[in-house]
Amino acid sequence: MQLHEQYRPKRWDDVVGQDKAIEQINQLRKRGLGGRAYFISGQSGAGKTTIAKLLAAEIADEFCITEIDASVATPARLTIIEQEMNLYGWGGKGRAYLINEAHGLSRPSIRQLLVLLERLPSHVIFVFTTTNEGVEDLFEEKIDAHPLLSRCQEIKLARRNLSEPFARRARDVAIASGLNGQPQSEYIKLVRKHKNNLRAVLQEIESGTML
């Protein structure tokens, strides 16, 4: 298993550099996280998938979390999801649907989602993720995404002041993996080299570059 998967945060306290996004989620938790759709955007390697998975874990167990790419979120697939989402998961828990690379959603799929998201049961969440560039060029075929976004709680991940927290996290992972041999300052340089993409940083550490 690659380092970025092996050491992916399993608790909110382990997420670094995204305090504002987590505070936003904490505020929403007071009214209940279920029955909502979330749209998470941020640069590559900033924590979109991690936050999406943590949100999903609060609603559903692992057997009732469906993670798919937008390219396969076809109208036919969405019809199946709409039928099953009314059923509770194991032990009375809910269901979570993670749709990655949301900028790749097709026009027919978006049209169907507009209706589907209007009637989400309280035990279900949808989480869409995309890059900042994906938001700027939303969506395939230059579709006006505002109707879809208006049905979602937007969570925009931080883009600045990430070097130090990401460097600390990277060094902790390197130490735990026996791959550390450099001071903290070198990790900051590595994070900046990869433009705050923590996944890319961990991939380079895995190759032994910090020994």
N, C-alpha and C. Protein backbone atom coordinates (compact mmCIF):
# COMPACT_ATOMS: atom_id res chain seq x y z
N MET A 1 0.84 -1.20 0.00
CA MET A 1 0.00 0.00 0.00
C MET A 1 0.88 1.25 0.00
N GLN A 2 0.54 2.21 -0.84
CA GLN A 2 1.33 3.44 -0.92
C GLN A 2 1.18 4.26 0.37
N LEU A 3 2.19 5.07 0.64
CA LEU A 3 2.20 5.83 1.90
C LEU A 3 0.97 6.72 2.05
N HIS A 4 0.55 7.38 0.97
CA HIS A 4 -0.56 8.31 1.11
C HIS A 4 -1.86 7.60 1.45
N GLU A 5 -1.96 6.31 1.11
CA GLU A 5 -3.13 5.53 1.49
C GLU A 5 -2.94 4.93 2.88
N GLN A 6 -1.75 4.43 3.13
CA GLN A 6 -1.47 3.81 4.42
C GLN A 6 -1.65 4.79 5.57
N TYR A 7 -1.25 6.03 5.35
CA TYR A 7 -1.31 7.03 6.42
C TYR A 7 -2.41 8.08 6.18
N ARG A 8 -3.39 7.73 5.37
CA ARG A 8 -4.52 8.64 5.19
C ARG A 8 -5.22 8.82 6.54
N PRO A 9 -5.50 10.04 6.97
CA PRO A 9 -6.14 10.27 8.28
C PRO A 9 -7.44 9.49 8.45
N LYS A 10 -7.57 8.85 9.60
CA LYS A 10 -8.80 8.11 9.94
C LYS A 10 -9.66 8.90 10.93
N ARG A 11 -9.12 10.02 11.43
CA ARG A 11 -9.84 10.87 12.37
C ARG A 11 -9.71 12.32 11.92
N TRP A 12 -10.70 13.13 12.28
CA TRP A 12 -10.65 14.54 11.93
C TRP A 12 -9.43 15.22 12.53
N ASP A 13 -9.02 14.81 13.73
CA ASP A 13 -7.88 15.44 14.40
C ASP A 13 -6.57 15.24 13.64
N ASP A 14 -6.54 14.26 12.74
CA ASP A 14 -5.32 13.97 12.00
C ASP A 14 -5.23 14.75 10.68
N VAL A 15 -6.29 15.45 10.32
CA VAL A 15 -6.28 16.25 9.08
C VAL A 15 -5.51 17.54 9.35
N VAL A 16 -4.58 17.88 8.48
CA VAL A 16 -3.74 19.07 8.69
C VAL A 16 -3.99 20.10 7.60
N GLY A 17 -3.88 21.36 7.97
CA GLY A 17 -3.91 22.45 7.00
C GLY A 17 -5.28 22.89 6.53
N GLN A 18 -6.34 22.23 7.02
CA GLN A 18 -7.69 22.55 6.53
C GLN A 18 -8.63 22.87 7.69
N ASP A 19 -8.16 23.70 8.61
CA ASP A 19 -8.95 24.02 9.80
C ASP A 19 -10.27 24.69 9.46
N LYS A 20 -10.27 25.58 8.48
CA LYS A 20 -11.50 26.30 8.14
C LYS A 20 -12.56 25.35 7.62
N ALA A 21 -12.16 24.41 6.77
CA ALA A 21 -13.11 23.44 6.22
C ALA A 21 -13.67 22.55 7.32
N ILE A 22 -12.81 22.14 8.24
CA ILE A 22 -13.27 21.28 9.34
C ILE A 22 -14.21 22.04 10.27
N GLU A 23 -13.93 23.31 10.51
CA GLU A 23 -14.84 24.12 11.33
C GLU A 23 -16.20 24.26 10.66
N GLN A 24 -16.18 24.40 9.35
CA GLN A 24 -17.44 24.47 8.59
C GLN A 24 -18.25 23.19 8.78
N ILE A 25 -17.56 22.05 8.71
CA ILE A 25 -18.23 20.76 8.90
C ILE A 25 -18.73 20.62 10.34
N ASN A 26 -17.95 21.08 11.29
CA ASN A 26 -18.38 21.02 12.70
C ASN A 26 -19.67 21.82 12.92
N GLN A 27 -19.77 22.96 12.26
CA GLN A 27 -20.99 23.76 12.38
C GLN A 27 -22.19 23.03 11.78
N LEU A 28 -21.97 22.39 10.63
CA LEU A 28 -23.05 21.64 9.99
C LEU A 28 -23.46 20.43 10.83
N ARG A 29 -22.49 19.84 11.51
CA ARG A 29 -22.78 18.66 12.34
C ARG A 29 -23.83 18.97 13.41
N LYS A 30 -23.88 20.20 13.86
CA LYS A 30 -24.85 20.56 14.90
C LYS A 30 -26.28 20.38 14.44
N ARG A 31 -26.50 20.50 13.14
CA ARG A 31 -27.84 20.33 12.56
C ARG A 31 -28.00 18.99 11.87
N GLY A 32 -26.90 18.22 11.84
CA GLY A 32 -26.95 16.90 11.23
C GLY A 32 -26.29 16.90 9.86
N LEU A 33 -25.36 15.97 9.67
CA LEU A 33 -24.63 15.89 8.41
C LEU A 33 -25.42 15.16 7.33
N GLY A 34 -26.37 14.32 7.74
CA GLY A 34 -27.14 13.53 6.78
C GLY A 34 -28.16 14.36 6.02
N GLY A 35 -28.63 13.79 4.91
CA GLY A 35 -29.62 14.47 4.10
C GLY A 35 -29.07 15.66 3.34
N ARG A 36 -27.76 15.69 3.13
CA ARG A 36 -27.10 16.80 2.46
C ARG A 36 -26.21 16.30 1.32
N ALA A 37 -25.91 17.22 0.41
CA ALA A 37 -24.89 16.98 -0.60
C ALA A 37 -23.76 17.98 -0.35
N TYR A 38 -22.55 17.53 -0.52
CA TYR A 38 -21.37 18.36 -0.28
C TYR A 38 -20.55 18.44 -1.57
N PHE A 39 -20.00 19.61 -1.82
CA PHE A 39 -19.16 19.81 -3.00
C PHE A 39 -17.81 20.32 -2.52
N ILE A 40 -16.81 19.44 -2.55
CA ILE A 40 -15.48 19.77 -2.03
C ILE A 40 -14.54 20.08 -3.19
N SER A 41 -13.94 21.26 -3.15
CA SER A 41 -12.99 21.64 -4.20
C SER A 41 -11.67 22.05 -3.56
N GLY A 42 -10.60 21.80 -4.27
CA GLY A 42 -9.28 22.15 -3.77
C GLY A 42 -8.21 21.66 -4.73
N GLN A 43 -6.99 22.09 -4.51
CA GLN A 43 -5.91 21.67 -5.38
C GLN A 43 -5.59 20.19 -5.14
N SER A 44 -4.90 19.60 -6.09
CA SER A 44 -4.53 18.19 -5.99
C SER A 44 -3.67 17.96 -4.75
N GLY A 45 -3.98 16.90 -4.02
CA GLY A 45 -3.19 16.54 -2.85
C GLY A 45 -3.44 17.37 -1.62
N ALA A 46 -4.53 18.16 -1.60
CA ALA A 46 -4.81 19.03 -0.45
C ALA A 46 -5.72 18.39 0.59
N GLY A 47 -6.34 17.25 0.24
CA GLY A 47 -7.16 16.56 1.23
C GLY A 47 -8.62 16.35 0.86
N LYS A 48 -8.97 16.54 -0.41
CA LYS A 48 -10.37 16.39 -0.83
C LYS A 48 -10.90 14.99 -0.54
N THR A 49 -10.17 13.98 -0.99
CA THR A 49 -10.64 12.60 -0.81
C THR A 49 -10.68 12.22 0.66
N THR A 50 -9.68 12.67 1.41
CA THR A 50 -9.66 12.36 2.85
C THR A 50 -10.88 12.92 3.55
N ILE A 51 -11.20 14.18 3.29
CA ILE A 51 -12.35 14.80 3.94
C ILE A 51 -13.65 14.13 3.47
N ALA A 52 -13.73 13.79 2.20
CA ALA A 52 -14.91 13.10 1.68
C ALA A 52 -15.10 11.76 2.38
N LYS A 53 -14.02 11.01 2.56
CA LYS A 53 -14.11 9.71 3.21
C LYS A 53 -14.48 9.83 4.70
N LEU A 54 -13.96 10.86 5.36
CA LEU A 54 -14.29 11.07 6.76
C LEU A 54 -15.77 11.46 6.92
N LEU A 55 -16.26 12.27 6.01
CA LEU A 55 -17.69 12.60 6.03
C LEU A 55 -18.53 11.34 5.83
N ALA A 56 -18.14 10.54 4.87
CA ALA A 56 -18.88 9.31 4.58
C ALA A 56 -18.89 8.37 5.79
N ALA A 57 -17.75 8.28 6.48
CA ALA A 57 -17.64 7.37 7.62
C ALA A 57 -18.54 7.79 8.78
N GLU A 58 -18.92 9.06 8.84
CA GLU A 58 -19.81 9.51 9.91
C GLU A 58 -21.25 9.07 9.65
N ILE A 59 -21.56 8.78 8.40
CA ILE A 59 -22.92 8.43 8.02
C ILE A 59 -23.11 6.93 7.83
N ALA A 60 -22.11 6.28 7.23
CA ALA A 60 -22.27 4.89 6.80
C ALA A 60 -21.07 4.04 7.18
N ASP A 61 -21.30 2.72 7.27
CA ASP A 61 -20.16 1.83 7.44
C ASP A 61 -19.54 1.58 6.07
N GLU A 62 -18.40 0.92 6.05
CA GLU A 62 -17.63 0.81 4.81
C GLU A 62 -18.37 0.06 3.70
N PHE A 63 -19.31 -0.81 4.07
CA PHE A 63 -20.02 -1.58 3.07
C PHE A 63 -21.11 -0.78 2.36
N CYS A 64 -21.44 0.38 2.92
CA CYS A 64 -22.50 1.21 2.34
C CYS A 64 -21.97 2.55 1.89
N ILE A 65 -20.66 2.59 1.61
CA ILE A 65 -20.04 3.77 1.02
C ILE A 65 -19.68 3.44 -0.42
N THR A 66 -20.28 4.14 -1.35
CA THR A 66 -20.05 3.92 -2.78
C THR A 66 -19.20 5.06 -3.32
N GLU A 67 -18.05 4.71 -3.88
CA GLU A 67 -17.14 5.71 -4.42
C GLU A 67 -16.96 5.46 -5.91
N ILE A 68 -17.33 6.43 -6.75
CA ILE A 68 -17.23 6.25 -8.19
C ILE A 68 -16.68 7.52 -8.82
N ASP A 69 -16.17 7.36 -10.02
CA ASP A 69 -15.72 8.50 -10.81
C ASP A 69 -16.92 9.09 -11.54
N ALA A 70 -16.89 10.40 -11.75
CA ALA A 70 -18.01 11.07 -12.42
C ALA A 70 -18.29 10.48 -13.79
N SER A 71 -17.27 9.97 -14.44
CA SER A 71 -17.45 9.44 -15.80
C SER A 71 -18.37 8.23 -15.84
N VAL A 72 -18.50 7.52 -14.72
CA VAL A 72 -19.39 6.35 -14.68
C VAL A 72 -20.66 6.63 -13.89
N ALA A 73 -20.84 7.89 -13.49
CA ALA A 73 -22.09 8.28 -12.83
C ALA A 73 -23.12 8.60 -13.89
N THR A 74 -23.47 7.60 -14.65
CA THR A 74 -24.41 7.75 -15.76
C THR A 74 -25.84 7.83 -15.23
N PRO A 75 -26.78 8.28 -16.05
CA PRO A 75 -28.18 8.28 -15.61
C PRO A 75 -28.65 6.90 -15.15
N ALA A 76 -28.21 5.85 -15.84
CA ALA A 76 -28.61 4.49 -15.44
C ALA A 76 -28.06 4.16 -14.05
N ARG A 77 -26.80 4.52 -13.81
CA ARG A 77 -26.20 4.25 -12.49
C ARG A 77 -26.90 5.08 -11.41
N LEU A 78 -27.22 6.31 -11.71
CA LEU A 78 -27.89 7.18 -10.75
C LEU A 78 -29.29 6.67 -10.43
N THR A 79 -29.94 6.05 -11.41
CA THR A 79 -31.27 5.46 -11.15
C THR A 79 -31.17 4.34 -10.14
N ILE A 80 -30.14 3.51 -10.26
CA ILE A 80 -29.91 2.42 -9.29
C ILE A 80 -29.64 3.00 -7.91
N ILE A 81 -28.81 4.04 -7.86
CA ILE A 81 -28.49 4.69 -6.58
C ILE A 81 -29.75 5.27 -5.95
N GLU A 82 -30.58 5.89 -6.77
CA GLU A 82 -31.80 6.51 -6.24
C GLU A 82 -32.73 5.46 -5.64
N GLN A 83 -32.74 4.27 -6.22
CA GLN A 83 -33.59 3.21 -5.69
C GLN A 83 -33.05 2.65 -4.37
N GLU A 84 -31.74 2.50 -4.27
CA GLU A 84 -31.17 1.88 -3.07
C GLU A 84 -30.98 2.86 -1.92
N MET A 85 -30.93 4.14 -2.22
CA MET A 85 -30.61 5.10 -1.16
C MET A 85 -31.73 5.24 -0.14
N ASN A 86 -32.91 4.77 -0.47
CA ASN A 86 -34.01 4.83 0.49
C ASN A 86 -33.91 3.75 1.56
N LEU A 87 -33.03 2.78 1.34
CA LEU A 87 -32.82 1.70 2.31
C LEU A 87 -31.69 2.07 3.25
N TYR A 88 -31.86 1.75 4.52
CA TYR A 88 -30.80 1.98 5.49
C TYR A 88 -29.69 0.96 5.30
N GLY A 89 -28.50 1.32 5.77
CA GLY A 89 -27.38 0.41 5.69
C GLY A 89 -27.35 -0.55 6.87
N TRP A 90 -26.22 -1.22 7.06
CA TRP A 90 -26.06 -2.18 8.14
C TRP A 90 -26.24 -1.50 9.50
N GLY A 91 -26.95 -2.18 10.40
CA GLY A 91 -27.10 -1.67 11.76
C GLY A 91 -27.85 -0.36 11.85
N GLY A 92 -28.68 -0.07 10.84
CA GLY A 92 -29.45 1.15 10.87
C GLY A 92 -28.67 2.40 10.48
N LYS A 93 -27.41 2.21 10.03
CA LYS A 93 -26.64 3.36 9.59
C LYS A 93 -27.07 3.77 8.18
N GLY A 94 -26.48 4.83 7.68
CA GLY A 94 -26.91 5.38 6.41
C GLY A 94 -26.10 4.92 5.22
N ARG A 95 -26.18 5.71 4.16
CA ARG A 95 -25.45 5.43 2.93
C ARG A 95 -24.75 6.70 2.46
N ALA A 96 -23.57 6.53 1.89
CA ALA A 96 -22.81 7.67 1.40
C ALA A 96 -22.34 7.38 -0.03
N TYR A 97 -22.43 8.40 -0.86
CA TYR A 97 -22.04 8.28 -2.27
C TYR A 97 -21.00 9.35 -2.58
N LEU A 98 -19.80 8.91 -2.93
CA LEU A 98 -18.69 9.81 -3.24
C LEU A 98 -18.49 9.83 -4.75
N ILE A 99 -18.60 10.99 -5.36
CA ILE A 99 -18.42 11.12 -6.80
C ILE A 99 -17.20 12.01 -7.05
N ASN A 100 -16.12 11.37 -7.49
CA ASN A 100 -14.85 12.07 -7.71
C ASN A 100 -14.78 12.66 -9.12
N GLU A 101 -13.91 13.67 -9.28
CA GLU A 101 -13.73 14.35 -10.57
C GLU A 101 -15.08 14.86 -11.08
N ALA A 102 -15.80 15.55 -10.22
CA ALA A 102 -17.17 15.96 -10.53
C ALA A 102 -17.28 16.83 -11.76
N HIS A 103 -16.18 17.48 -12.16
CA HIS A 103 -16.22 18.31 -13.38
C HIS A 103 -16.48 17.47 -14.61
N GLY A 104 -16.37 16.14 -14.49
CA GLY A 104 -16.61 15.25 -15.62
C GLY A 104 -18.04 14.76 -15.74
N LEU A 105 -18.93 15.24 -14.88
CA LEU A 105 -20.33 14.84 -14.99
C LEU A 105 -20.93 15.28 -16.32
N SER A 106 -21.73 14.42 -16.91
CA SER A 106 -22.36 14.76 -18.18
C SER A 106 -23.64 15.56 -17.96
N ARG A 107 -24.11 16.17 -19.01
CA ARG A 107 -25.33 16.97 -18.94
C ARG A 107 -26.53 16.15 -18.45
N PRO A 108 -26.78 14.94 -19.02
CA PRO A 108 -27.92 14.15 -18.54
C PRO A 108 -27.79 13.75 -17.07
N SER A 109 -26.57 13.47 -16.64
CA SER A 109 -26.36 13.08 -15.24
C SER A 109 -26.64 14.25 -14.31
N ILE A 110 -26.19 15.44 -14.68
CA ILE A 110 -26.44 16.62 -13.86
C ILE A 110 -27.94 16.89 -13.76
N ARG A 111 -28.62 16.74 -14.88
CA ARG A 111 -30.07 16.96 -14.89
C ARG A 111 -30.76 16.00 -13.92
N GLN A 112 -30.31 14.76 -13.91
CA GLN A 112 -30.92 13.78 -13.01
C GLN A 112 -30.56 14.06 -11.56
N LEU A 113 -29.34 14.51 -11.32
CA LEU A 113 -28.91 14.84 -9.96
C LEU A 113 -29.71 15.99 -9.37
N LEU A 114 -30.12 16.93 -10.21
CA LEU A 114 -30.88 18.07 -9.73
C LEU A 114 -32.16 17.61 -9.03
N VAL A 115 -32.77 16.57 -9.58
CA VAL A 115 -33.99 16.03 -8.98
C VAL A 115 -33.65 15.14 -7.79
N LEU A 116 -32.65 14.29 -7.96
CA LEU A 116 -32.28 13.33 -6.91
C LEU A 116 -31.89 14.04 -5.61
N LEU A 117 -31.11 15.09 -5.73
CA LEU A 117 -30.61 15.77 -4.53
C LEU A 117 -31.69 16.55 -3.79
N GLU A 118 -32.80 16.79 -4.46
CA GLU A 118 -33.90 17.49 -3.81
C GLU A 118 -34.63 16.62 -2.80
N ARG A 119 -34.46 15.31 -2.90
CA ARG A 119 -35.19 14.41 -2.02
C ARG A 119 -34.27 13.39 -1.33
N LEU A 120 -33.15 13.87 -0.85
CA LEU A 120 -32.24 12.99 -0.13
C LEU A 120 -32.84 12.61 1.23
N PRO A 121 -32.86 11.33 1.56
CA PRO A 121 -33.28 10.92 2.91
C PRO A 121 -32.26 11.41 3.94
N SER A 122 -32.67 11.52 5.17
CA SER A 122 -31.80 12.06 6.22
C SER A 122 -30.62 11.14 6.54
N HIS A 123 -30.65 9.90 6.08
CA HIS A 123 -29.55 8.96 6.36
C HIS A 123 -28.59 8.84 5.18
N VAL A 124 -28.69 9.75 4.23
CA VAL A 124 -27.88 9.66 3.00
C VAL A 124 -27.11 10.96 2.79
N ILE A 125 -25.87 10.84 2.30
CA ILE A 125 -25.14 12.01 1.84
C ILE A 125 -24.53 11.72 0.47
N PHE A 126 -24.38 12.77 -0.32
CA PHE A 126 -23.60 12.74 -1.55
C PHE A 126 -22.42 13.67 -1.33
N VAL A 127 -21.24 13.26 -1.79
CA VAL A 127 -20.06 14.11 -1.70
C VAL A 127 -19.40 14.15 -3.08
N PHE A 128 -19.33 15.34 -3.65
CA PHE A 128 -18.66 15.55 -4.94
C PHE A 128 -17.29 16.17 -4.67
N THR A 129 -16.28 15.72 -5.40
CA THR A 129 -14.96 16.33 -5.27
C THR A 129 -14.43 16.72 -6.64
N THR A 130 -13.70 17.82 -6.67
CA THR A 130 -13.06 18.25 -7.90
C THR A 130 -11.93 19.21 -7.56
N THR A 131 -11.06 19.45 -8.52
CA THR A 131 -9.95 20.38 -8.33
C THR A 131 -10.43 21.82 -8.50
N ASN A 132 -9.59 22.75 -8.10
CA ASN A 132 -9.91 24.16 -8.32
C ASN A 132 -10.11 24.44 -9.80
N GLU A 133 -9.27 23.81 -10.62
CA GLU A 133 -9.39 24.00 -12.06
C GLU A 133 -10.72 23.45 -12.57
N GLY A 134 -11.15 22.34 -11.95
CA GLY A 134 -12.43 21.75 -12.34
C GLY A 134 -13.59 22.68 -12.07
N VAL A 135 -13.52 23.40 -10.94
CA VAL A 135 -14.57 24.35 -10.61
C VAL A 135 -14.58 25.49 -11.62
N GLU A 136 -13.39 25.94 -11.98
CA GLU A 136 -13.29 27.07 -12.91
C GLU A 136 -13.80 26.71 -14.30
N ASP A 137 -13.74 25.42 -14.63
CA ASP A 137 -14.17 24.98 -15.96
C ASP A 137 -15.33 23.99 -15.82
N LEU A 138 -16.26 24.34 -14.95
CA LEU A 138 -17.38 23.47 -14.61
C LEU A 138 -18.42 23.47 -15.70
N PHE A 139 -18.78 22.40 -16.16
CA PHE A 139 -18.40 21.01 -16.16
C PHE A 139 -18.08 20.63 -17.60
N GLU A 140 -18.05 19.35 -17.89
CA GLU A 140 -17.90 18.90 -19.26
C GLU A 140 -18.96 19.56 -20.13
N GLU A 141 -18.60 19.91 -21.35
CA GLU A 141 -19.49 20.57 -22.31
C GLU A 141 -19.89 21.98 -21.86
N LYS A 142 -19.10 22.56 -20.91
CA LYS A 142 -19.35 23.93 -20.47
C LYS A 142 -20.76 24.13 -19.91
N ILE A 143 -21.22 23.15 -19.14
CA ILE A 143 -22.56 23.22 -18.56
C ILE A 143 -22.59 24.24 -17.42
N ASP A 144 -23.65 25.00 -17.32
CA ASP A 144 -23.84 25.90 -16.19
C ASP A 144 -24.10 25.06 -14.95
N ALA A 145 -23.15 25.05 -14.01
CA ALA A 145 -23.25 24.18 -12.85
C ALA A 145 -23.96 24.80 -11.67
N HIS A 146 -24.37 26.05 -11.77
CA HIS A 146 -24.96 26.71 -10.62
C HIS A 146 -26.16 25.99 -10.03
N PRO A 147 -27.08 25.44 -10.84
CA PRO A 147 -28.20 24.71 -10.23
C PRO A 147 -27.75 23.53 -9.38
N LEU A 148 -26.70 22.81 -9.82
CA LEU A 148 -26.20 21.70 -9.02
C LEU A 148 -25.51 22.21 -7.76
N LEU A 149 -24.67 23.22 -7.90
CA LEU A 149 -23.96 23.75 -6.74
C LEU A 149 -24.92 24.31 -5.70
N SER A 150 -26.04 24.84 -6.16
CA SER A 150 -27.00 25.42 -5.22
C SER A 150 -27.66 24.37 -4.35
N ARG A 151 -27.55 23.11 -4.74
CA ARG A 151 -28.11 22.01 -3.97
C ARG A 151 -27.07 21.37 -3.05
N CYS A 152 -25.87 21.91 -3.07
CA CYS A 152 -24.76 21.35 -2.29
C CYS A 152 -24.23 22.35 -1.27
N GLN A 153 -23.64 21.81 -0.23
CA GLN A 153 -22.88 22.63 0.71
C GLN A 153 -21.45 22.69 0.18
N GLU A 154 -21.02 23.86 -0.27
CA GLU A 154 -19.68 23.97 -0.83
C GLU A 154 -18.63 24.04 0.26
N ILE A 155 -17.58 23.25 0.10
CA ILE A 155 -16.44 23.26 1.02
C ILE A 155 -15.19 23.50 0.18
N LYS A 156 -14.62 24.68 0.33
CA LYS A 156 -13.45 25.05 -0.44
C LYS A 156 -12.20 24.89 0.43
N LEU A 157 -11.30 24.02 0.02
CA LEU A 157 -10.11 23.77 0.81
C LEU A 157 -9.08 24.89 0.65
N ALA A 158 -8.31 25.09 1.70
CA ALA A 158 -7.29 26.13 1.71
C ALA A 158 -6.23 25.85 0.66
N ARG A 159 -5.69 26.93 0.12
CA ARG A 159 -4.62 26.83 -0.87
C ARG A 159 -3.32 27.43 -0.35
N ARG A 160 -3.40 28.23 0.71
CA ARG A 160 -2.23 28.93 1.23
C ARG A 160 -1.90 28.45 2.64
N ASN A 161 -0.69 28.79 3.07
CA ASN A 161 -0.21 28.46 4.42
C ASN A 161 -0.26 26.97 4.70
N LEU A 162 0.06 26.19 3.68
CA LEU A 162 0.03 24.73 3.83
C LEU A 162 1.42 24.12 3.97
N SER A 163 2.46 24.87 3.64
CA SER A 163 3.81 24.30 3.60
C SER A 163 4.23 23.70 4.93
N GLU A 164 4.07 24.46 6.01
CA GLU A 164 4.55 23.97 7.31
C GLU A 164 3.72 22.81 7.85
N PRO A 165 2.37 22.90 7.87
CA PRO A 165 1.62 21.75 8.37
C PRO A 165 1.80 20.51 7.51
N PHE A 166 1.89 20.68 6.19
CA PHE A 166 2.11 19.52 5.33
C PHE A 166 3.51 18.95 5.54
N ALA A 167 4.49 19.81 5.75
CA ALA A 167 5.86 19.34 5.99
C ALA A 167 5.94 18.55 7.29
N ARG A 168 5.26 19.03 8.34
CA ARG A 168 5.25 18.29 9.62
C ARG A 168 4.61 16.92 9.44
N ARG A 169 3.49 16.90 8.72
CA ARG A 169 2.81 15.63 8.47
C ARG A 169 3.70 14.69 7.66
N ALA A 170 4.34 15.21 6.64
CA ALA A 170 5.21 14.38 5.80
C ALA A 170 6.37 13.81 6.59
N ARG A 171 6.97 14.62 7.46
CA ARG A 171 8.10 14.14 8.26
C ARG A 171 7.64 13.08 9.25
N ASP A 172 6.46 13.27 9.84
CA ASP A 172 5.92 12.25 10.77
C ASP A 172 5.74 10.92 10.05
N VAL A 173 5.22 10.97 8.83
CA VAL A 173 5.02 9.74 8.05
C VAL A 173 6.37 9.12 7.71
N ALA A 174 7.34 9.95 7.32
CA ALA A 174 8.67 9.44 6.98
C ALA A 174 9.32 8.76 8.17
N ILE A 175 9.18 9.36 9.35
CA ILE A 175 9.75 8.77 10.57
C ILE A 175 9.08 7.44 10.87
N ALA A 176 7.75 7.41 10.80
CA ALA A 176 7.01 6.18 11.10
C ALA A 176 7.34 5.07 10.11
N SER A 177 7.76 5.45 8.91
CA SER A 177 8.05 4.47 7.86
C SER A 177 9.53 4.13 7.74
N GLY A 178 10.35 4.73 8.59
CA GLY A 178 11.78 4.50 8.52
C GLY A 178 12.42 5.12 7.29
N LEU A 179 11.83 6.22 6.81
CA LEU A 179 12.34 6.85 5.59
C LEU A 179 12.84 8.27 5.84
N ASN A 180 13.07 8.61 7.10
CA ASN A 180 13.50 9.97 7.44
C ASN A 180 15.00 10.07 7.64
N GLY A 181 15.57 11.13 7.10
CA GLY A 181 16.98 11.39 7.34
C GLY A 181 17.30 12.86 7.13
N GLN A 182 16.27 13.70 7.15
CA GLN A 182 16.45 15.11 6.83
C GLN A 182 15.77 15.99 7.88
N PRO A 183 16.25 17.22 8.07
CA PRO A 183 15.60 18.14 9.01
C PRO A 183 14.28 18.67 8.44
N GLN A 184 13.51 19.30 9.31
CA GLN A 184 12.20 19.82 8.91
C GLN A 184 12.29 20.79 7.74
N SER A 185 13.33 21.58 7.69
CA SER A 185 13.47 22.57 6.62
C SER A 185 13.48 21.92 5.24
N GLU A 186 14.03 20.71 5.14
CA GLU A 186 14.07 20.02 3.85
C GLU A 186 12.68 19.55 3.43
N TYR A 187 11.86 19.23 4.42
CA TYR A 187 10.48 18.82 4.10
C TYR A 187 9.67 20.01 3.61
N ILE A 188 9.93 21.17 4.18
CA ILE A 188 9.24 22.37 3.70
C ILE A 188 9.60 22.63 2.24
N LYS A 189 10.88 22.48 1.91
CA LYS A 189 11.32 22.65 0.52
C LYS A 189 10.63 21.63 -0.38
N LEU A 190 10.51 20.41 0.10
CA LEU A 190 9.89 19.35 -0.70
C LEU A 190 8.41 19.66 -0.96
N VAL A 191 7.72 20.13 0.08
CA VAL A 191 6.30 20.48 -0.08
C VAL A 191 6.15 21.62 -1.08
N ARG A 192 7.01 22.62 -0.98
CA ARG A 192 6.93 23.74 -1.92
C ARG A 192 7.27 23.30 -3.34
N LYS A 193 8.20 22.39 -3.46
CA LYS A 193 8.56 21.86 -4.78
C LYS A 193 7.34 21.23 -5.46
N HIS A 194 6.52 20.56 -4.65
CA HIS A 194 5.33 19.89 -5.19
C HIS A 194 4.08 20.74 -5.08
N LYS A 195 4.27 22.03 -4.81
CA LYS A 195 3.16 22.99 -4.79
C LYS A 195 2.03 22.55 -3.86
N ASN A 196 2.42 22.14 -2.66
CA ASN A 196 1.48 21.77 -1.60
C ASN A 196 0.62 20.55 -1.94
N ASN A 197 1.15 19.67 -2.76
CA ASN A 197 0.47 18.41 -3.07
C ASN A 197 1.05 17.34 -2.14
N LEU A 198 0.36 17.08 -1.04
CA LEU A 198 0.89 16.17 -0.04
C LEU A 198 1.01 14.75 -0.57
N ARG A 199 0.10 14.34 -1.42
CA ARG A 199 0.19 13.00 -2.01
C ARG A 199 1.49 12.85 -2.80
N ALA A 200 1.83 13.85 -3.61
CA ALA A 200 3.07 13.80 -4.40
C ALA A 200 4.29 13.81 -3.49
N VAL A 201 4.22 14.56 -2.40
CA VAL A 201 5.32 14.60 -1.43
C VAL A 201 5.56 13.21 -0.85
N LEU A 202 4.50 12.55 -0.43
CA LEU A 202 4.65 11.22 0.18
C LEU A 202 5.14 10.20 -0.84
N GLN A 203 4.74 10.37 -2.09
CA GLN A 203 5.24 9.46 -3.12
C GLN A 203 6.74 9.62 -3.30
N GLU A 204 7.23 10.86 -3.23
CA GLU A 204 8.68 11.06 -3.37
C GLU A 204 9.42 10.54 -2.14
N ILE A 205 8.85 10.74 -0.96
CA ILE A 205 9.46 10.20 0.26
C ILE A 205 9.56 8.69 0.18
N GLU A 206 8.54 8.07 -0.39
CA GLU A 206 8.53 6.61 -0.50
C GLU A 206 9.66 6.10 -1.38
N SER A 207 10.10 6.94 -2.30
CA SER A 207 11.20 6.54 -3.17
C SER A 207 12.56 6.64 -2.47
N GLY A 208 12.57 7.15 -1.24
CA GLY A 208 13.81 7.22 -0.46
C GLY A 208 14.54 8.54 -0.57
N THR A 209 13.90 9.54 -1.11
CA THR A 209 14.59 10.82 -1.36
C THR A 209 15.00 11.53 -0.08
N MET A 210 14.36 11.23 1.06
CA MET A 210 14.68 11.93 2.30
C MET A 210 15.58 11.11 3.22
N LEU A 211 16.09 10.01 2.74
CA LEU A 211 17.01 9.22 3.55
C LEU A 211 18.40 9.85 3.55
